C-alpha atoms as a PDB file:
ATOM      1  CA  MET A   1       6.249  13.606  -3.119  1.00  0.00           C
ATOM      2  CA  THR A   2       2.589  12.750  -3.095  1.00  0.00           C
ATOM      3  CA  TYR A   3       1.702  16.582  -4.322  1.00  0.00           C
ATOM      4  CA  ALA A   4       4.320  16.919  -7.019  1.00  0.00           C
ATOM      5  CA  ILE A   5       3.361  13.666  -8.291  1.00  0.00           C
ATOM      6  CA  GLY A   6      -0.205  13.326  -7.731  1.00  0.00           C
ATOM      7  CA  ARG A   7      -0.618  10.431  -7.041  1.00  0.00           C
ATOM      8  CA  GLU A   8       0.051   8.251  -3.878  1.00  0.00           C
ATOM      9  CA  LEU A   9       3.109   6.662  -3.155  1.00  0.00           C
ATOM     10  CA  GLU A  10       3.107   2.971  -4.260  1.00  0.00           C
ATOM     11  CA  ILE A  11       5.868   0.303  -2.963  1.00  0.00           C
ATOM     12  CA  GLY A  12       7.525   0.855  -6.081  1.00  0.00           C
ATOM     13  CA  ASP A  13       8.395   4.461  -5.020  1.00  0.00           C
ATOM     14  CA  ARG A  14      10.051   3.945  -2.520  1.00  0.00           C
ATOM     15  CA  PRO A  15      14.152   3.028  -3.336  1.00  0.00           C
ATOM     16  CA  SER A  16      13.297   6.628  -4.915  1.00  0.00           C
ATOM     17  CA  VAL A  17      12.187   8.330  -1.338  1.00  0.00           C
ATOM     18  CA  ASP A  18      15.343   6.339  -0.143  1.00  0.00           C
ATOM     19  CA  GLU A  19      17.833   7.899  -2.156  1.00  0.00           C
ATOM     20  CA  ILE A  20      16.038  10.931  -1.848  1.00  0.00           C
ATOM     21  CA  LEU A  21      16.241  10.640   1.925  1.00  0.00           C
ATOM     22  CA  ALA A  22      19.620  10.198   1.930  1.00  0.00           C
ATOM     23  CA  GLU A  23      20.914  12.782  -0.418  1.00  0.00           C
ATOM     24  CA  LEU A  24      18.798  15.396   2.138  1.00  0.00           C
ATOM     25  CA  SER A  25      20.549  13.875   5.342  1.00  0.00           C
ATOM     26  CA  SER A  26      24.097  13.649   4.344  1.00  0.00           C
ATOM     27  CA  ASN A  27      23.997  17.111   2.598  1.00  0.00           C
ATOM     28  CA  GLU A  28      22.093  18.646   5.653  1.00  0.00           C
ATOM     29  CA  GLY A  29      20.064  19.726   2.788  1.00  0.00           C
ATOM     30  CA  GLY A  30      16.725  22.294   3.221  1.00  0.00           C
ATOM     31  CA  LEU A  31      13.364  22.856   1.627  1.00  0.00           C
ATOM     32  CA  ARG A  32      15.108  23.852  -1.503  1.00  0.00           C
ATOM     33  CA  ASP A  33      17.611  20.916  -1.892  1.00  0.00           C
ATOM     34  CA  LEU A  34      13.650  18.846  -1.392  1.00  0.00           C
ATOM     35  CA  ILE A  35      11.729  19.937  -4.307  1.00  0.00           C
ATOM     36  CA  ARG A  36      15.353  19.903  -6.384  1.00  0.00           C
ATOM     37  CA  LEU A  37      15.879  16.234  -5.515  1.00  0.00           C
ATOM     38  CA  ILE A  38      11.909  15.088  -6.096  1.00  0.00           C
ATOM     39  CA  VAL A  39      11.360  17.083  -9.464  1.00  0.00           C
ATOM     40  CA  GLN A  40      14.525  15.218 -10.833  1.00  0.00           C
ATOM     41  CA  SER A  41      13.639  11.437  -9.099  1.00  0.00           C
ATOM     42  CA  LYS A  42      12.465   9.185 -11.448  1.00  0.00           C
ATOM     43  CA  PRO A  43       8.689   9.137 -10.112  1.00  0.00           C
ATOM     44  CA  PHE A  44       8.501  12.418 -10.854  1.00  0.00           C
ATOM     45  CA  LEU A  45       9.907  12.267 -14.519  1.00  0.00           C
ATOM     46  CA  ASN A  46       7.813   9.238 -15.611  1.00  0.00           C
ATOM     47  CA  ASN A  47       4.511  10.799 -14.571  1.00  0.00           C
END
């Protein structure tokens, strides 16, 4: 996530990280799913 958004994670990024982790856990997602979720996340889109 840090590499994808080009900055260190901040406390305000925590809800997005939690959403990504919950989605991965519930769907037993892999690397492809992780990348898709990061690219669709608010921190990535707002950067």
